[in-house]
C-alpha atoms as a PDB file:
ATOM      1  CA  MET A   1      -3.927-172.212  81.478  1.00  0.00           C
ATOM      2  CA  HIS A   2      -3.993-173.082  77.743  1.00  0.00           C
ATOM      3  CA  ASP A   3      -1.372-172.915  75.040  1.00  0.00           C
ATOM      4  CA  GLY A   4      -0.866-169.428  73.606  1.00  0.00           C
ATOM      5  CA  GLU A   5      -3.151-167.820  76.199  1.00  0.00           C
ATOM      6  CA  VAL A   6      -2.196-164.408  77.498  1.00  0.00           C
ATOM      7  CA  ILE A   7      -3.390-163.605  80.989  1.00  0.00           C
ATOM      8  CA  THR A   8      -4.016-159.991  81.846  1.00  0.00           C
ATOM      9  CA  GLN A   9      -4.693-158.644  85.289  1.00  0.00           C
ATOM     10  CA  THR A  10      -6.521-155.473  86.212  1.00  0.00           C
ATOM     11  CA  SER A  11      -5.424-153.215  89.015  1.00  0.00           C
ATOM     12  CA  ALA A  12      -7.126-150.240  90.612  1.00  0.00           C
ATOM     13  CA  ARG A  13      -5.307-146.965  90.184  1.00  0.00           C
ATOM     14  CA  SER A  14      -6.239-144.069  92.418  1.00  0.00           C
ATOM     15  CA  ILE A  15      -6.487-140.596  90.829  1.00  0.00           C
ATOM     16  CA  PRO A  16      -6.565-137.508  93.087  1.00  0.00           C
ATOM     17  CA  ARG A  17      -9.638-135.362  92.499  1.00  0.00           C
ATOM     18  CA  GLN A  18      -8.969-131.920  91.039  1.00  0.00           C
ATOM     19  CA  PRO A  19     -10.048-129.142  93.436  1.00  0.00           C
ATOM     20  CA  ASP A  20     -12.811-126.831  92.266  1.00  0.00           C
ATOM     21  CA  LEU A  21     -11.070-123.651  91.088  1.00  0.00           C
ATOM     22  CA  THR A  22     -14.261-121.755  90.282  1.00  0.00           C
ATOM     23  CA  LYS A  23     -15.301-120.990  93.849  1.00  0.00           C
ATOM     24  CA  PRO A  24     -15.824-117.369  94.971  1.00  0.00           C
ATOM     25  CA  ILE A  25     -12.580-117.423  96.968  1.00  0.00           C
ATOM     26  CA  HIS A  26     -10.670-118.161  93.766  1.00  0.00           C
ATOM     27  CA  GLY A  27     -12.663-115.422  92.074  1.00  0.00           C
ATOM     28  CA  ALA A  28     -11.488-112.959  94.719  1.00  0.00           C
ATOM     29  CA  LEU A  29      -7.872-113.932  94.038  1.00  0.00           C
ATOM     30  CA  VAL A  30      -8.317-113.636  90.271  1.00  0.00           C
ATOM     31  CA  GLY A  31     -10.105-110.315  90.694  1.00  0.00           C
ATOM     32  CA  VAL A  32      -7.387-108.712  92.800  1.00  0.00           C
ATOM     33  CA  LEU A  33      -4.610-109.959  90.487  1.00  0.00           C
ATOM     34  CA  LEU A  34      -6.302-108.732  87.315  1.00  0.00           C
ATOM     35  CA  THR A  35      -7.223-105.429  88.954  1.00  0.00           C
ATOM     36  CA  ALA A  36      -3.597-104.958  89.998  1.00  0.00           C
ATOM     37  CA  ALA A  37      -2.596-105.523  86.366  1.00  0.00           C
ATOM     38  CA  LEU A  38      -5.216-102.946  85.307  1.00  0.00           C
ATOM     39  CA  VAL A  39      -3.844-100.389  87.773  1.00  0.00           C
ATOM     40  CA  ALA A  40      -0.270-101.022  86.617  1.00  0.00           C
ATOM     41  CA  LEU A  41      -1.268-100.662  82.957  1.00  0.00           C
ATOM     42  CA  SER A  42      -3.142 -97.420  83.614  1.00  0.00           C
ATOM     43  CA  PHE A  43      -0.233 -96.079  85.622  1.00  0.00           C
ATOM     44  CA  CYS A  44       2.197 -96.797  82.774  1.00  0.00           C
ATOM     45  CA  GLY A  45      -0.092 -95.035  80.295  1.00  0.00           C
ATOM     46  CA  TRP A  46      -0.342 -92.062  82.642  1.00  0.00           C
ATOM     47  CA  LYS A  47       3.398 -91.704  83.194  1.00  0.00           C
ATOM     48  CA  ILE A  48       4.547 -92.493  79.664  1.00  0.00           C
ATOM     49  CA  ALA A  49       1.913 -90.908  77.439  1.00  0.00           C
ATOM     50  CA  GLY A  50      -0.056 -88.667  79.808  1.00  0.00           C
ATOM     51  CA  LEU A  51      -3.211 -90.746  79.427  1.00  0.00           C
ATOM     52  CA  PRO A  52      -5.926 -90.683  82.111  1.00  0.00           C
ATOM     53  CA  PHE A  53      -5.302 -92.751  85.220  1.00  0.00           C
ATOM     54  CA  ALA A  54      -8.767 -94.115  85.883  1.00  0.00           C
ATOM     55  CA  PRO A  55      -8.267 -95.315  89.500  1.00  0.00           C
ATOM     56  CA  PHE A  56      -7.378 -91.834  90.748  1.00  0.00           C
ATOM     57  CA  ASP A  57     -10.083 -90.116  88.743  1.00  0.00           C
ATOM     58  CA  VAL A  58     -12.842 -92.548  89.765  1.00  0.00           C
ATOM     59  CA  PHE A  59     -11.774 -92.205  93.402  1.00  0.00           C
ATOM     60  CA  ASP A  60     -11.830 -88.403  93.093  1.00  0.00           C
ATOM     61  CA  SER A  61     -15.304 -88.524  91.576  1.00  0.00           C
ATOM     62  CA  ILE A  62     -16.596 -90.733  94.379  1.00  0.00           C
ATOM     63  CA  VAL A  63     -15.066 -88.512  97.062  1.00  0.00           C
ATOM     64  CA  ARG A  64     -16.691 -85.413  95.606  1.00  0.00           C
ATOM     65  CA  ALA A  65     -20.095 -87.095  95.775  1.00  0.00           C
ATOM     66  CA  LEU A  66     -19.722 -87.901  99.483  1.00  0.00           C
ATOM     67  CA  PRO A  67     -20.840 -85.662 102.383  1.00  0.00           C
ATOM     68  CA  GLY A  68     -18.386 -82.970 103.474  1.00  0.00           C
ATOM     69  CA  ALA A  69     -17.840 -84.331 106.990  1.00  0.00           C
ATOM     70  CA  PHE A  70     -16.946 -87.746 105.645  1.00  0.00           C
ATOM     71  CA  VAL A  71     -14.542 -86.204 103.114  1.00  0.00           C
ATOM     72  CA  THR A  72     -12.827 -84.300 105.931  1.00  0.00           C
ATOM     73  CA  ARG A  73     -12.300 -87.519 107.858  1.00  0.00           C
ATOM     74  CA  VAL A  74     -10.932 -89.154 104.741  1.00  0.00           C
ATOM     75  CA  ILE A  75      -8.449 -86.307 104.203  1.00  0.00           C
ATOM     76  CA  GLU A  76      -7.297 -86.530 107.809  1.00  0.00           C
ATOM     77  CA  LEU A  77      -6.827 -90.270 107.411  1.00  0.00           C
ATOM     78  CA  ASN A  78      -4.842 -89.679 104.230  1.00  0.00           C
ATOM     79  CA  VAL A  79      -2.538 -87.275 106.054  1.00  0.00           C
ATOM     80  CA  VAL A  80      -1.951 -89.825 108.809  1.00  0.00           C
ATOM     81  CA  ILE A  81      -1.148 -92.532 106.257  1.00  0.00           C
ATOM     82  CA  ALA A  82       1.216 -90.266 104.349  1.00  0.00           C
ATOM     83  CA  ARG A  83       3.003 -89.149 107.524  1.00  0.00           C
ATOM     84  CA  ALA A  84       3.486 -92.821 108.395  1.00  0.00           C
ATOM     85  CA  LEU A  85       5.116 -93.232 104.988  1.00  0.00           C
ATOM     86  CA  GLY A  86       7.565 -90.429 105.769  1.00  0.00           C
ATOM     87  CA  VAL A  87       5.972 -87.517 103.848  1.00  0.00           C
ATOM     88  CA  SER A  88       6.606 -84.185 105.607  1.00  0.00           C
ATOM     89  CA  SER A  89       4.493 -81.677 103.645  1.00  0.00           C
ATOM     90  CA  ILE A  90       0.784 -81.647 104.453  1.00  0.00           C
ATOM     91  CA  GLY A  91      -0.213 -81.142 100.813  1.00  0.00           C
ATOM     92  CA  ALA A  92       2.083 -83.874  99.625  1.00  0.00           C
ATOM     93  CA  ALA A  93       0.900 -86.064 102.493  1.00  0.00           C
ATOM     94  CA  ALA A  94      -2.749 -85.594 101.524  1.00  0.00           C
ATOM     95  CA  LYS A  95      -1.974 -86.326  97.872  1.00  0.00           C
ATOM     96  CA  ALA A  96       0.025 -89.450  98.730  1.00  0.00           C
ATOM     97  CA  GLY A  97      -2.735 -90.625 101.040  1.00  0.00           C
ATOM     98  CA  ASP A  98      -5.302 -90.102  98.280  1.00  0.00           C
ATOM     99  CA  GLN A  99      -3.221 -92.197  95.906  1.00  0.00           C
ATOM    100  CA  VAL A 100      -2.819 -95.006  98.414  1.00  0.00           C
ATOM    101  CA  MET A 101      -6.521 -95.047  99.230  1.00  0.00           C
ATOM    102  CA  ALA A 102      -7.471 -94.874  95.551  1.00  0.00           C
ATOM    103  CA  VAL A 103      -5.330 -97.856  94.610  1.00  0.00           C
ATOM    104  CA  SER A 104      -6.410 -99.782  97.723  1.00  0.00           C
ATOM    105  CA  GLY A 105     -10.061 -99.074  97.013  1.00  0.00           C
ATOM    106  CA  VAL A 106      -9.751-100.231  93.414  1.00  0.00           C
ATOM    107  CA  LEU A 107      -8.003-103.448  94.481  1.00  0.00           C
ATOM    108  CA  ALA A 108     -10.628-104.122  97.150  1.00  0.00           C
ATOM    109  CA  THR A 109     -13.388-103.510  94.620  1.00  0.00           C
ATOM    110  CA  GLY A 110     -11.732-105.908  92.183  1.00  0.00           C
ATOM    111  CA  MET A 111     -11.438-108.579  94.863  1.00  0.00           C
ATOM    112  CA  VAL A 112     -15.088-108.327  95.908  1.00  0.00           C
ATOM    113  CA  SER A 113     -16.250-108.141  92.301  1.00  0.00           C
ATOM    114  CA  GLY A 114     -14.231-111.227  91.403  1.00  0.00           C
ATOM    115  CA  ALA A 115     -15.797-113.248  94.199  1.00  0.00           C
ATOM    116  CA  LEU A 116     -19.320-112.163  93.232  1.00  0.00           C
ATOM    117  CA  LEU A 117     -18.753-112.799  89.536  1.00  0.00           C
ATOM    118  CA  PHE A 118     -17.378-116.297  90.098  1.00  0.00           C
ATOM    119  CA  GLY A 119     -20.419-117.059  92.225  1.00  0.00           C
ATOM    120  CA  LEU A 120     -22.750-115.870  89.442  1.00  0.00           C
ATOM    121  CA  LEU A 121     -20.888-117.600  86.618  1.00  0.00           C
ATOM    122  CA  ARG A 122     -21.100-120.942  88.433  1.00  0.00           C
ATOM    123  CA  LEU A 123     -24.858-120.852  87.847  1.00  0.00           C
ATOM    124  CA  SER A 124     -24.473-121.000  84.066  1.00  0.00           C
ATOM    125  CA  ASN A 125     -22.495-123.033  81.555  1.00  0.00           C
ATOM    126  CA  GLU A 126     -22.284-120.228  79.013  1.00  0.00           C
ATOM    127  CA  PRO A 127     -18.839-118.875  78.007  1.00  0.00           C
ATOM    128  CA  ALA A 128     -17.695-116.184  80.410  1.00  0.00           C
ATOM    129  CA  ARG A 129     -15.657-114.132  77.938  1.00  0.00           C
ATOM    130  CA  LEU A 130     -18.719-112.480  76.430  1.00  0.00           C
ATOM    131  CA  PHE A 131     -20.023-111.650  79.883  1.00  0.00           C
ATOM    132  CA  GLY A 132     -16.585-110.285  80.839  1.00  0.00           C
ATOM    133  CA  ALA A 133     -16.422-108.106  77.728  1.00  0.00           C
ATOM    134  CA  ILE A 134     -19.883-106.650  78.434  1.00  0.00           C
ATOM    135  CA  LEU A 135     -19.008-106.028  82.082  1.00  0.00           C
ATOM    136  CA  GLY A 136     -15.699-104.397  81.132  1.00  0.00           C
ATOM    137  CA  ALA A 137     -17.462-102.132  78.646  1.00  0.00           C
ATOM    138  CA  MET A 138     -19.975-101.072  81.304  1.00  0.00           C
ATOM    139  CA  LEU A 139     -17.261-100.304  83.864  1.00  0.00           C
ATOM    140  CA  GLY A 140     -15.212 -98.519  81.225  1.00  0.00           C
ATOM    141  CA  GLY A 141     -18.234 -96.417  80.326  1.00  0.00           C
ATOM    142  CA  LEU A 142     -18.708 -95.425  83.972  1.00  0.00           C
ATOM    143  CA  ALA A 143     -15.025 -94.535  84.264  1.00  0.00           C
ATOM    144  CA  LEU A 144     -15.297 -92.491  81.071  1.00  0.00           C
ATOM    145  CA  ILE A 145     -18.283 -90.601  82.496  1.00  0.00           C
ATOM    146  CA  ALA A 146     -16.217 -89.831  85.618  1.00  0.00           C
ATOM    147  CA  GLU A 147     -13.346 -88.576  83.460  1.00  0.00           C
ATOM    148  CA  ILE A 148     -15.671 -86.295  81.512  1.00  0.00           C
ATOM    149  CA  HIS A 149     -17.375 -85.049  84.682  1.00  0.00           C
ATOM    150  CA  LEU A 150     -14.010 -84.121  86.207  1.00  0.00           C
ATOM    151  CA  GLN A 151     -12.858 -82.602  82.894  1.00  0.00           C
ATOM    152  CA  ARG A 152      -9.763 -84.783  82.888  1.00  0.00           C
ATOM    153  CA  LEU A 153     -10.060 -85.494  79.171  1.00  0.00           C
ATOM    154  CA  PRO A 154      -8.695 -82.915  76.742  1.00  0.00           C
ATOM    155  CA  PRO A 155     -11.153 -81.544  74.154  1.00  0.00           C
ATOM    156  CA  GLN A 156     -11.631 -83.978  71.257  1.00  0.00           C
ATOM    157  CA  ALA A 157      -9.280 -86.451  72.946  1.00  0.00           C
ATOM    158  CA  ILE A 158     -10.503 -89.605  71.249  1.00  0.00           C
ATOM    159  CA  ALA A 159      -7.331 -91.548  72.076  1.00  0.00           C
ATOM    160  CA  ALA A 160      -7.590 -90.819  75.807  1.00  0.00           C
ATOM    161  CA  GLY A 161     -11.232 -91.915  75.975  1.00  0.00           C
ATOM    162  CA  ALA A 162     -10.513 -95.008  73.918  1.00  0.00           C
ATOM    163  CA  TRP A 163      -7.632 -95.840  76.278  1.00  0.00           C
ATOM    164  CA  VAL A 164      -9.898 -95.772  79.330  1.00  0.00           C
ATOM    165  CA  LEU A 165     -12.553 -97.876  77.627  1.00  0.00           C
ATOM    166  CA  ALA A 166     -10.048-100.351  76.168  1.00  0.00           C
ATOM    167  CA  THR A 167      -8.308-101.025  79.483  1.00  0.00           C
ATOM    168  CA  PHE A 168     -11.549-101.973  81.203  1.00  0.00           C
ATOM    169  CA  ILE A 169     -12.706-104.132  78.284  1.00  0.00           C
ATOM    170  CA  ALA A 170      -9.338-105.903  78.378  1.00  0.00           C
ATOM    171  CA  TRP A 171      -9.848-106.473  82.114  1.00  0.00           C
ATOM    172  CA  GLY A 172     -13.273-108.003  81.497  1.00  0.00           C
ATOM    173  CA  LEU A 173     -12.024-110.239  78.689  1.00  0.00           C
ATOM    174  CA  ALA A 174      -9.102-111.439  80.808  1.00  0.00           C
ATOM    175  CA  PHE A 175     -11.479-112.196  83.660  1.00  0.00           C
ATOM    176  CA  GLY A 176     -13.831-114.189  81.449  1.00  0.00           C
ATOM    177  CA  TRP A 177     -10.970-116.073  79.795  1.00  0.00           C
ATOM    178  CA  THR A 178      -9.509-116.985  83.191  1.00  0.00           C
ATOM    179  CA  TYR A 179     -12.827-118.332  84.436  1.00  0.00           C
ATOM    180  CA  ASP A 180     -13.378-120.385  81.274  1.00  0.00           C
ATOM    181  CA  ARG A 181      -9.866-121.794  81.571  1.00  0.00           C
ATOM    182  CA  LEU A 182     -10.305-122.789  85.206  1.00  0.00           C
ATOM    183  CA  ARG A 183     -13.704-124.345  84.509  1.00  0.00           C
ATOM    184  CA  ARG A 184     -12.218-126.357  81.628  1.00  0.00           C
ATOM    185  CA  VAL A 185      -9.467-127.676  83.885  1.00  0.00           C
ATOM    186  CA  VAL A 186     -11.989-128.742  86.525  1.00  0.00           C
ATOM    187  CA  THR A 187     -14.266-130.392  83.947  1.00  0.00           C
ATOM    188  CA  SER A 188     -11.443-132.349  82.334  1.00  0.00           C
ATOM    189  CA  HIS A 189     -10.408-133.804  85.698  1.00  0.00           C
ATOM    190  CA  GLN A 190     -13.885-134.755  86.886  1.00  0.00           C
ATOM    191  CA  SER A 191     -13.566-138.547  86.800  1.00  0.00           C
ATOM    192  CA  PRO A 192     -14.113-141.363  89.326  1.00  0.00           C
ATOM    193  CA  VAL A 193     -11.676-141.534  92.156  1.00  0.00           C
ATOM    194  CA  SER A 194     -10.438-144.905  91.032  1.00  0.00           C
ATOM    195  CA  HIS A 195     -10.797-146.901  87.875  1.00  0.00           C
ATOM    196  CA  ARG A 196      -9.515-150.164  86.642  1.00  0.00           C
ATOM    197  CA  SER A 197      -7.018-150.224  83.818  1.00  0.00           C
ATOM    198  CA  PRO A 198      -5.486-153.264  82.241  1.00  0.00           C
ATOM    199  CA  VAL A 199      -1.935-153.968  83.286  1.00  0.00           C
ATOM    200  CA  SER A 200       0.023-156.056  80.870  1.00  0.00           C
ATOM    201  CA  HIS A 201       1.124-158.822  83.176  1.00  0.00           C
ATOM    202  CA  GLN A 202       1.517-161.408  80.466  1.00  0.00           C
ATOM    203  CA  PHE A 203       2.403-164.946  81.279  1.00  0.00           C
ATOM    204  CA  PRO A 204       3.505-166.649  78.052  1.00  0.00           C
ATOM    205  CA  VAL A 205       2.974-170.371  78.021  1.00  0.00           C
ATOM    206  CA  GLU A 206       5.366-172.397  75.926  1.00  0.00           C
ATOM    207  CA  PRO A 207       3.656-175.072  73.839  1.00  0.00           C
ATOM    208  CA  ARG A 208       4.487-178.594  74.877  1.00  0.00           C
ATOM    209  CA  ALA A 209       6.680-180.529  72.460  1.00  0.00           C
ATOM    210  CA  PRO A 210       5.233-183.845  71.266  1.00  0.00           C
ATOM    211  CA  SER A 211       6.735-186.769  73.149  1.00  0.00           C
ATOM    212  CA  SER A 212       8.724-189.293  71.088  1.00  0.00           C
ATOM    213  CA  GLU A 213       8.305-192.123  73.603  1.00  0.00           C
ATOM    214  CA  PRO A 214       5.527-194.623  72.824  1.00  0.00           C
ATOM    215  CA  ARG A 215       2.573-194.511  75.086  1.00  0.00           C
ATOM    216  CA  VAL A 216       2.031-197.619  77.189  1.00  0.00           C
ATOM    217  CA  THR A 217      -1.584-198.627  77.575  1.00  0.00           C
ATOM    218  CA  PRO A 218      -2.258-200.552  80.773  1.00  0.00           C
ATOM    219  CA  GLN A 219      -3.728-203.999  80.163  1.00  0.00           C
ATOM    220  CA  ALA A 220      -5.744-206.264  82.375  1.00  0.00           C
ATOM    221  CA  PRO A 221      -3.856-209.250  83.933  1.00  0.00           C
ATOM    222  CA  THR A 222      -4.137-212.591  81.971  1.00  0.00           C
ATOM    223  CA  CYS A 223      -4.131-216.188  83.084  1.00  0.00           C
ATOM    224  CA  PRO A 224      -0.723-217.877  82.397  1.00  0.00           C
ATOM    225  CA  CYS A 225      -2.432-221.101  81.236  1.00  0.00           C
ATOM    226  CA  CYS A 226      -5.065-220.019  78.707  1.00  0.00           C
ATOM    227  CA  ARG A 227      -3.960-216.487  78.049  1.00  0.00           C
ATOM    228  CA  HIS A 228      -7.429-215.213  78.780  1.00  0.00           C
ATOM    229  CA  PRO A 229      -8.062-212.312  81.050  1.00  0.00           C
ATOM    230  CA  ALA A 230      -8.262-213.392  84.607  1.00  0.00           C
ATOM    231  CA  THR A 231     -11.541-213.004  86.391  1.00  0.00           C
ATOM    232  CA  ASN A 232     -12.063-212.598  90.056  1.00  0.00           C
END
């Protein structure tokens, strides 16, 4: 230890590893949550402004494309579900069952789609928002085709068609933004499990004050007769 020297010690600090939030299981969770928000937004537009409610219309279009026997089984299942919910009228029961199955089908589709999309996006480092916007536009276009096929859009209803397309594009953008955000969090926390960081354990050393006492130099013994150093 020297004068004015500062001694620093290093200590190992353990950092917990951030879990990977871009796995397909997280994609399924993100997909079902964002799809639920899409359904809620479409429902509000339907009830408040009379805009198309895409989940019901897409479900109706799919049901009409299915074989008749399968549709009959679906209607019977809808009646059973509605009766379990306390609906007495058969017509009202069938309608309530259709609504429940439509919303459930859309949520299930969003969950499966989210898992598949997270699995695909993990293969690339490109931003996911552009991919989400393109996917949302494609899904919105399909929903718009279903609306036109079922004649649910009024003639020259540009606002209604734009509403359907905009809601799906917003869903895709939100999905891409969420994935990019989760990937950024994982990337920023990817560091070694432990690293050494300097810890300021300083040990100041006070400089020694000069001694005022004279130093005594040891001398060899001398002969008392001749004052010469004694020899053995």
